[in-house]
Structures are given as C-alpha cells and as structure tokens.
C-alpha atoms as a PDB file:
ATOM      1  CA  MET A   1      16.166  -1.448 -12.269  1.00  0.00           C
ATOM      2  CA  LEU A   2      13.092  -3.511 -12.686  1.00  0.00           C
ATOM      3  CA  THR A   3      11.411  -4.119 -16.029  1.00  0.00           C
ATOM      4  CA  ASN A   4       8.046  -2.727 -16.858  1.00  0.00           C
ATOM      5  CA  ALA A   5       6.522  -5.989 -16.172  1.00  0.00           C
ATOM      6  CA  GLN A   6       8.097  -6.139 -12.679  1.00  0.00           C
ATOM      7  CA  ILE A   7       6.991  -2.538 -11.962  1.00  0.00           C
ATOM      8  CA  LEU A   8       3.338  -3.188 -12.980  1.00  0.00           C
ATOM      9  CA  GLY A   9       2.920  -6.309 -10.719  1.00  0.00           C
ATOM     10  CA  LYS A  10       3.042  -8.685 -13.796  1.00  0.00           C
ATOM     11  CA  ASP A  11       6.292 -10.520 -12.933  1.00  0.00           C
ATOM     12  CA  GLU A  12       7.152 -11.965  -9.608  1.00  0.00           C
ATOM     13  CA  SER A  13      10.468 -13.930 -10.693  1.00  0.00           C
ATOM     14  CA  GLN A  14      12.836 -11.428  -8.827  1.00  0.00           C
ATOM     15  CA  LEU A  15      11.205 -11.891  -5.526  1.00  0.00           C
ATOM     16  CA  VAL A  16      12.084 -14.213  -2.735  1.00  0.00           C
ATOM     17  CA  GLU A  17       9.587 -15.996  -0.264  1.00  0.00           C
ATOM     18  CA  LEU A  18       9.892 -15.430   3.565  1.00  0.00           C
ATOM     19  CA  ASP A  19       9.141 -18.233   5.904  1.00  0.00           C
ATOM     20  CA  ASN A  20       5.644 -16.861   6.378  1.00  0.00           C
ATOM     21  CA  GLY A  21       4.910 -17.018   2.588  1.00  0.00           C
ATOM     22  CA  PHE A  22       5.065 -13.243   1.746  1.00  0.00           C
ATOM     23  CA  LEU A  23       7.267 -12.159  -1.243  1.00  0.00           C
ATOM     24  CA  LEU A  24       9.769  -9.261  -1.252  1.00  0.00           C
ATOM     25  CA  LEU A  25      12.983  -8.384  -3.280  1.00  0.00           C
ATOM     26  CA  PRO A  26      15.985  -9.950  -1.617  1.00  0.00           C
ATOM     27  CA  LYS A  27      17.540  -6.849  -0.198  1.00  0.00           C
ATOM     28  CA  VAL A  28      14.181  -5.851   1.421  1.00  0.00           C
ATOM     29  CA  ALA A  29      13.566  -9.223   2.830  1.00  0.00           C
ATOM     30  CA  ASN A  30      16.997  -9.173   4.631  1.00  0.00           C
ATOM     31  CA  ALA A  31      16.381  -5.801   5.925  1.00  0.00           C
ATOM     32  CA  PHE A  32      12.868  -6.554   7.094  1.00  0.00           C
ATOM     33  CA  GLU A  33      14.226  -9.669   8.846  1.00  0.00           C
ATOM     34  CA  ALA A  34      17.065  -7.497  10.633  1.00  0.00           C
ATOM     35  CA  MET A  35      14.474  -5.059  11.707  1.00  0.00           C
ATOM     36  CA  GLN A  36      11.917  -7.755  12.923  1.00  0.00           C
ATOM     37  CA  LEU A  37      14.975  -9.236  15.267  1.00  0.00           C
ATOM     38  CA  ALA A  38      15.791  -5.810  16.560  1.00  0.00           C
ATOM     39  CA  ALA A  39      12.004  -5.100  17.464  1.00  0.00           C
ATOM     40  CA  LYS A  40      11.738  -8.420  19.206  1.00  0.00           C
ATOM     41  CA  LYS A  41      14.457  -7.378  21.600  1.00  0.00           C
ATOM     42  CA  ASP A  42      12.263  -4.508  22.418  1.00  0.00           C
ATOM     43  CA  LYS A  43       9.183  -6.966  22.868  1.00  0.00           C
ATOM     44  CA  VAL A  44       7.468  -5.650  19.691  1.00  0.00           C
ATOM     45  CA  ASP A  45       6.232  -8.384  17.328  1.00  0.00           C
ATOM     46  CA  ILE A  46       6.508  -7.008  13.882  1.00  0.00           C
ATOM     47  CA  GLN A  47       4.809  -9.474  11.277  1.00  0.00           C
ATOM     48  CA  ILE A  48       3.688  -8.685   7.719  1.00  0.00           C
ATOM     49  CA  ALA A  49       0.086  -8.508   6.915  1.00  0.00           C
ATOM     50  CA  SER A  50       0.743  -7.819   3.187  1.00  0.00           C
ATOM     51  CA  SER A  51       3.693  -7.591   0.981  1.00  0.00           C
ATOM     52  CA  TYR A  52       3.973  -8.171  -2.950  1.00  0.00           C
ATOM     53  CA  ARG A  53       0.552  -8.119  -4.535  1.00  0.00           C
ATOM     54  CA  SER A  54       0.087  -8.888  -8.340  1.00  0.00           C
ATOM     55  CA  PHE A  55      -1.519  -6.777 -10.930  1.00  0.00           C
ATOM     56  CA  GLU A  56      -4.328  -9.184 -11.063  1.00  0.00           C
ATOM     57  CA  ARG A  57      -5.102  -9.150  -7.331  1.00  0.00           C
ATOM     58  CA  GLN A  58      -4.997  -5.369  -7.401  1.00  0.00           C
ATOM     59  CA  ASN A  59      -7.458  -5.380 -10.186  1.00  0.00           C
ATOM     60  CA  PHE A  60      -9.693  -7.599  -7.970  1.00  0.00           C
ATOM     61  CA  ILE A  61      -9.574  -5.270  -5.304  1.00  0.00           C
ATOM     62  CA  TRP A  62     -10.260  -2.247  -7.410  1.00  0.00           C
ATOM     63  CA  GLY A  63     -13.141  -3.985  -9.195  1.00  0.00           C
ATOM     64  CA  ASN A  64     -15.096  -4.994  -6.041  1.00  0.00           C
ATOM     65  CA  LYS A  65     -14.799  -1.467  -4.686  1.00  0.00           C
ATOM     66  CA  TRP A  66     -15.988  -0.112  -8.195  1.00  0.00           C
ATOM     67  CA  LEU A  67     -18.931  -2.420  -8.112  1.00  0.00           C
ATOM     68  CA  GLY A  68     -19.853  -1.558  -4.492  1.00  0.00           C
ATOM     69  CA  LYS A  69     -19.054  -5.132  -3.253  1.00  0.00           C
ATOM     70  CA  THR A  70     -16.588  -3.850  -0.654  1.00  0.00           C
ATOM     71  CA  GLN A  71     -17.306  -0.796   1.599  1.00  0.00           C
ATOM     72  CA  LEU A  72     -15.814   2.515   0.488  1.00  0.00           C
ATOM     73  CA  ARG A  73     -14.541   5.014   3.063  1.00  0.00           C
ATOM     74  CA  ASP A  74     -13.275   8.453   2.957  1.00  0.00           C
ATOM     75  CA  ALA A  75      -9.722   9.519   4.397  1.00  0.00           C
ATOM     76  CA  ASN A  76     -11.371   9.546   7.904  1.00  0.00           C
ATOM     77  CA  GLU A  77     -12.533   6.024   7.532  1.00  0.00           C
ATOM     78  CA  THR A  78     -16.256   7.258   7.399  1.00  0.00           C
ATOM     79  CA  PRO A  79     -18.427   4.644   5.414  1.00  0.00           C
ATOM     80  CA  LEU A  80     -19.646   5.963   2.059  1.00  0.00           C
ATOM     81  CA  ASP A  81     -22.509   5.053  -0.083  1.00  0.00           C
ATOM     82  CA  ALA A  82     -21.027   4.136  -3.691  1.00  0.00           C
ATOM     83  CA  THR A  83     -24.318   4.532  -5.437  1.00  0.00           C
ATOM     84  CA  GLN A  84     -24.348   8.403  -4.439  1.00  0.00           C
ATOM     85  CA  LEU A  85     -21.000   9.025  -6.103  1.00  0.00           C
ATOM     86  CA  ASP A  86     -20.349   9.881  -9.697  1.00  0.00           C
ATOM     87  CA  ASP A  87     -17.446   7.975 -11.523  1.00  0.00           C
ATOM     88  CA  TRP A  88     -14.793  10.519 -10.628  1.00  0.00           C
ATOM     89  CA  GLU A  89     -16.146  10.875  -7.083  1.00  0.00           C
ATOM     90  CA  LYS A  90     -16.054   6.967  -6.785  1.00  0.00           C
ATOM     91  CA  ALA A  91     -12.434   6.730  -8.446  1.00  0.00           C
ATOM     92  CA  GLN A  92     -11.216   9.420  -6.050  1.00  0.00           C
ATOM     93  CA  THR A  93     -12.570   7.636  -3.098  1.00  0.00           C
ATOM     94  CA  ILE A  94     -11.286   4.148  -3.942  1.00  0.00           C
ATOM     95  CA  LEU A  95      -7.710   5.625  -4.686  1.00  0.00           C
ATOM     96  CA  THR A  96      -7.703   7.230  -1.137  1.00  0.00           C
ATOM     97  CA  TRP A  97      -7.178   3.704   0.189  1.00  0.00           C
ATOM     98  CA  SER A  98      -6.269   1.399  -2.775  1.00  0.00           C
ATOM     99  CA  ALA A  99      -4.106   2.032  -5.799  1.00  0.00           C
ATOM    100  CA  LEU A 100      -4.869   1.553  -9.379  1.00  0.00           C
ATOM    101  CA  PRO A 101      -3.887  -1.954 -10.726  1.00  0.00           C
ATOM    102  CA  GLY A 102      -0.193  -1.270 -12.001  1.00  0.00           C
ATOM    103  CA  ALA A 103       0.245   1.718  -9.588  1.00  0.00           C
ATOM    104  CA  SER A 104       0.491   0.087  -6.245  1.00  0.00           C
ATOM    105  CA  ARG A 105       3.728   0.011  -4.599  1.00  0.00           C
ATOM    106  CA  HIS A 106       3.065  -3.430  -3.382  1.00  0.00           C
ATOM    107  CA  HIS A 107       3.815  -4.584  -7.065  1.00  0.00           C
ATOM    108  CA  TRP A 108       7.447  -3.913  -6.600  1.00  0.00           C
ATOM    109  CA  GLY A 109       8.691  -6.068  -3.655  1.00  0.00           C
ATOM    110  CA  THR A 110       9.772  -3.069  -1.722  1.00  0.00           C
ATOM    111  CA  ASP A 111       6.519  -2.257   0.184  1.00  0.00           C
ATOM    112  CA  LEU A 112       4.801  -4.086   3.119  1.00  0.00           C
ATOM    113  CA  ASP A 113       2.085  -3.549   5.514  1.00  0.00           C
ATOM    114  CA  VAL A 114       3.055  -4.564   9.212  1.00  0.00           C
ATOM    115  CA  TYR A 115       1.406  -5.107  12.605  1.00  0.00           C
ATOM    116  CA  ASP A 116       2.038  -6.389  15.991  1.00  0.00           C
ATOM    117  CA  LYS A 117       0.744  -9.795  15.746  1.00  0.00           C
ATOM    118  CA  THR A 118       1.109 -10.516  19.572  1.00  0.00           C
ATOM    119  CA  LYS A 119      -0.917  -7.373  20.652  1.00  0.00           C
ATOM    120  CA  ILE A 120      -3.598  -7.976  18.012  1.00  0.00           C
ATOM    121  CA  GLU A 121      -4.066 -11.474  19.233  1.00  0.00           C
ATOM    122  CA  ALA A 122      -4.205 -10.208  22.840  1.00  0.00           C
ATOM    123  CA  SER A 123      -6.816  -7.689  21.750  1.00  0.00           C
ATOM    124  CA  GLY A 124      -9.155 -10.313  20.593  1.00  0.00           C
ATOM    125  CA  ALA A 125     -10.135  -8.300  17.652  1.00  0.00           C
ATOM    126  CA  ALA A 126      -9.175  -9.334  14.075  1.00  0.00           C
ATOM    127  CA  LEU A 127      -6.547  -6.948  12.169  1.00  0.00           C
ATOM    128  CA  GLU A 128      -8.298  -4.422   9.947  1.00  0.00           C
ATOM    129  CA  LEU A 129      -5.535  -2.120   9.064  1.00  0.00           C
ATOM    130  CA  ILE A 130      -7.143   1.006  10.431  1.00  0.00           C
ATOM    131  CA  CYS A 131      -5.507   3.987  12.063  1.00  0.00           C
ATOM    132  CA  SER A 132      -7.174   3.495  15.406  1.00  0.00           C
ATOM    133  CA  GLU A 133      -5.186   0.214  15.679  1.00  0.00           C
ATOM    134  CA  TYR A 134      -1.959   2.244  15.562  1.00  0.00           C
ATOM    135  CA  ASP A 135      -2.997   5.421  17.337  1.00  0.00           C
ATOM    136  CA  GLU A 136      -2.800   5.817  21.113  1.00  0.00           C
ATOM    137  CA  ASN A 137      -4.592   3.157  22.979  1.00  0.00           C
ATOM    138  CA  GLY A 138      -4.500   0.979  19.995  1.00  0.00           C
ATOM    139  CA  PRO A 139      -2.954  -2.584  20.013  1.00  0.00           C
ATOM    140  CA  CYS A 140      -0.139  -1.507  17.521  1.00  0.00           C
ATOM    141  CA  TYR A 141       0.580   1.817  19.133  1.00  0.00           C
ATOM    142  CA  GLU A 142       3.941   0.599  20.636  1.00  0.00           C
ATOM    143  CA  LEU A 143       4.791  -0.672  17.104  1.00  0.00           C
ATOM    144  CA  ASN A 144       3.970   2.643  15.465  1.00  0.00           C
ATOM    145  CA  LYS A 145       6.155   4.382  17.922  1.00  0.00           C
ATOM    146  CA  TRP A 146       8.983   1.914  17.519  1.00  0.00           C
ATOM    147  CA  LEU A 147       8.874   2.295  13.724  1.00  0.00           C
ATOM    148  CA  GLY A 148       9.153   6.230  14.178  1.00  0.00           C
ATOM    149  CA  SER A 149      12.125   5.626  16.048  1.00  0.00           C
ATOM    150  CA  TYR A 150      13.897   2.992  14.279  1.00  0.00           C
ATOM    151  CA  ALA A 151      12.597   1.994  10.854  1.00  0.00           C
ATOM    152  CA  ALA A 152      14.928   4.317   9.102  1.00  0.00           C
ATOM    153  CA  ASP A 153      17.954   2.508  10.635  1.00  0.00           C
ATOM    154  CA  PHE A 154      16.843  -0.346   8.528  1.00  0.00           C
ATOM    155  CA  GLY A 155      16.371   1.530   5.320  1.00  0.00           C
ATOM    156  CA  PHE A 156      12.465   1.781   5.679  1.00  0.00           C
ATOM    157  CA  ILE A 157      10.156   4.953   5.407  1.00  0.00           C
ATOM    158  CA  ARG A 158       6.705   5.472   5.943  1.00  0.00           C
ATOM    159  CA  PRO A 159       5.391   7.071   2.605  1.00  0.00           C
ATOM    160  CA  TYR A 160       1.981   7.502   4.006  1.00  0.00           C
ATOM    161  CA  SER A 161       2.496   8.753   7.383  1.00  0.00           C
ATOM    162  CA  THR A 162       0.481  11.839   6.792  1.00  0.00           C
ATOM    163  CA  PHE A 163      -2.487  12.641   4.693  1.00  0.00           C
ATOM    164  CA  LYS A 164      -1.831  15.216   1.938  1.00  0.00           C
ATOM    165  CA  GLY A 165      -5.072  14.960   0.223  1.00  0.00           C
ATOM    166  CA  GLY A 166      -4.260  12.027  -1.997  1.00  0.00           C
ATOM    167  CA  ILE A 167      -3.687   8.764  -0.199  1.00  0.00           C
ATOM    168  CA  ALA A 168      -5.022   8.152   3.340  1.00  0.00           C
ATOM    169  CA  ARG A 169      -2.802   7.982   6.384  1.00  0.00           C
ATOM    170  CA  GLU A 170      -1.324   4.534   6.742  1.00  0.00           C
ATOM    171  CA  PRO A 171       1.084   4.115   9.615  1.00  0.00           C
ATOM    172  CA  TRP A 172       1.481   0.366   8.824  1.00  0.00           C
ATOM    173  CA  HIS A 173       2.907   0.825   5.408  1.00  0.00           C
ATOM    174  CA  LEU A 174       6.732   0.568   5.122  1.00  0.00           C
ATOM    175  CA  SER A 175       8.851   1.079   1.787  1.00  0.00           C
ATOM    176  CA  TYR A 176      12.628   0.354   1.485  1.00  0.00           C
ATOM    177  CA  GLU A 177      13.468   3.779   0.438  1.00  0.00           C
ATOM    178  CA  GLU A 178      16.743   3.151  -1.641  1.00  0.00           C
ATOM    179  CA  LEU A 179      15.063   0.868  -4.131  1.00  0.00           C
ATOM    180  CA  SER A 180      11.444   2.248  -4.140  1.00  0.00           C
ATOM    181  CA  ASN A 181      12.555   5.882  -4.900  1.00  0.00           C
ATOM    182  CA  SER A 182      14.293   4.600  -7.865  1.00  0.00           C
ATOM    183  CA  ILE A 183      11.427   2.409  -9.143  1.00  0.00           C
ATOM    184  CA  ILE A 184       8.690   5.019  -8.860  1.00  0.00           C
ATOM    185  CA  THR A 185      10.559   7.216 -11.482  1.00  0.00           C
ATOM    186  CA  GLN A 186      10.301   4.515 -13.843  1.00  0.00           C
ATOM    187  CA  LEU A 187       6.471   4.283 -13.549  1.00  0.00           C
ATOM    188  CA  THR A 188       5.227   6.888 -16.088  1.00  0.00           C
ATOM    189  CA  PRO A 189       1.634   7.961 -16.667  1.00  0.00           C
ATOM    190  CA  GLN A 190       1.715   6.339 -20.227  1.00  0.00           C
ATOM    191  CA  THR A 191       3.270   3.095 -18.979  1.00  0.00           C
ATOM    192  CA  LEU A 192       0.357   2.964 -16.586  1.00  0.00           C
ATOM    193  CA  LEU A 193      -2.321   3.983 -19.058  1.00  0.00           C
ATOM    194  CA  THR A 194      -1.016   1.304 -21.635  1.00  0.00           C
ATOM    195  CA  ALA A 195      -1.311  -1.405 -18.998  1.00  0.00           C
ATOM    196  CA  LEU A 196      -4.791  -0.344 -17.989  1.00  0.00           C
ATOM    197  CA  THR A 197      -6.029  -0.058 -21.399  1.00  0.00           C
ATOM    198  CA  ASP A 198      -4.844  -3.609 -22.229  1.00  0.00           C
ATOM    199  CA  SER A 199      -6.742  -4.952 -19.125  1.00  0.00           C
ATOM    200  CA  ASP A 200     -10.238  -5.182 -18.062  1.00  0.00           C
ATOM    201  CA  VAL A 201     -10.050  -2.459 -15.286  1.00  0.00           C
ATOM    202  CA  LEU A 202     -13.506  -1.011 -14.575  1.00  0.00           C
ATOM    203  CA  GLY A 203     -13.761   2.613 -14.970  1.00  0.00           C
ATOM    204  CA  ILE A 204     -11.228   2.999 -17.619  1.00  0.00           C
ATOM    205  CA  GLN A 205     -12.733   6.164 -19.540  1.00  0.00           C
ATOM    206  CA  CYS A 206     -12.878   8.051 -16.119  1.00  0.00           C
ATOM    207  CA  ILE A 207      -9.364   6.890 -15.316  1.00  0.00           C
ATOM    208  CA  THR A 208      -7.828   8.025 -18.688  1.00  0.00           C
ATOM    209  CA  GLU A 209      -9.705  11.470 -18.386  1.00  0.00           C
ATOM    210  CA  ASN A 210      -8.289  12.127 -15.150  1.00  0.00           C
ATOM    211  CA  MET A 211      -4.963  10.339 -15.460  1.00  0.00           C
ATOM    212  CA  PRO A 212      -2.873  13.616 -14.843  1.00  0.00           C
ATOM    213  CA  GLU A 213      -4.398  14.319 -11.468  1.00  0.00           C
ATOM    214  CA  ILE A 214      -4.495  10.720 -10.570  1.00  0.00           C
ATOM    215  CA  TYR A 215      -0.778  10.271 -11.263  1.00  0.00           C
ATOM    216  CA  SER A 216       0.337  13.401  -9.449  1.00  0.00           C
ATOM    217  CA  ARG A 217      -2.054  13.139  -6.462  1.00  0.00           C
ATOM    218  CA  PHE A 218      -2.267   9.526  -5.806  1.00  0.00           C
ATOM    219  CA  VAL A 219       0.545   7.720  -7.565  1.00  0.00           C
ATOM    220  CA  LEU A 220       3.146  10.146  -6.404  1.00  0.00           C
ATOM    221  CA  ASN A 221       0.997  11.089  -3.348  1.00  0.00           C
ATOM    222  CA  ARG A 222       1.643  14.959  -3.858  1.00  0.00           C
ATOM    223  CA  GLY A 223      -2.107  15.556  -2.672  1.00  0.00           C
ATOM    224  CA  LYS A 224      -3.862  18.438  -3.312  1.00  0.00           C
ATOM    225  CA  LEU A 225      -3.789  20.608  -0.186  1.00  0.00           C
END
C-alpha cells in the first residue's frame, strides 16, 4: 500500500531507476525487463517513452494546456482552438489526453508508455505517441500486436485500449495490474481535491464543481457512453 504522497506523485522514494533513467516500482521494473527481453527475441524493441511522473510535472503539463501553450486535441486527435472553449469544455478536452495533477497513473510507478525504438528510428519520424503510430502500417504496429498477445503474461494490462467517452485510446500505455488495481482504490475524490486546492493548479473552480464526473469519467475511466 502506498502513502497519499506516493499516490499523488509527491514522493518517489519507493521507486527504482532503470538503466535508461526511468523510474518504476521494483516489482514493475522487474516485470518490464522480463517482458522487454522476451519481446527482443521476437525482434520487437520495447523501450519506455514515459514512466513515473511527479505531481509538479503533471501540473506543468496541465497548466500549459489550460493556457493554450500546448495544442489541444479531441479523442480523434483533431486539433481544437482553446479560445473557443469554456472552462468545462476545456477541462474535458485536456482530461481526454492528460490527467489532473495527482490523478495520473504515472504517479504510482506502476504505469509506463512504450514504443518500438528500432522501428521509430527506421521511420525517420519523431515519436509522437499517437494512435496512427500503433495502428496498421504504423511503425509500432508489430509492438501493438505483440502486447496484445503477451503483455498479460508479464502482469501488464492496457487500461486505455478502447475509448469509452473518457480517456482517449492509448495503445502505448501499460499498467501493472496487480498493484495499480489496488492503488486506484486508495485515490478518493476528497484526497485528490485536497491536493489540488493546496496547489496552484489552474481551473480549480471548474474542477471542484465537476469533480464527481471527473472522478468517474476520467480518473476511473468509466466514460459516459
């Protein structure tokens, strides 16, 4: 069981650093390295694009999107004009791709984003973590198929494999099921709201007013369809 500080991304003392500098819980790191080795035998080069992310880093990402410094996109990856959205519309748009500070699964050390480094480099394009890279004819398509067949053998699930009306489809996002399923039950709406009101997160009034829907639809990813 993690402490509230660990769940909220404010304490990384329980994490271990992999050779490439990414941080994960020890059990998750061991499982990932075993999966990575198995994939290599099938000529799939699984590498981490993102793992642990702190509350402060998530708040920076959120703030840039709230202020329109980072392009907003809908669930189909279509660019949107932030100036044409009211606060609740903007919050929902951001939440489709980026969690609230304190609510990201990346805070826990159980979750990571992966890609096929060899195939991305061969494509000549920079990794964007967009669905077209993982769909048919994309450089990470073989990785996507491999994960569909074997990720569960190493304890990983893909919590955003389908769009339910909450978080967009993210075929690159892996979660270590045994630990993450336990951790998410500890993250209550009140714990999250307390952390947010004690921080400088933008849009706090809108967030507070809509927390029941935010928690169900985006934190738990139950969606609205």
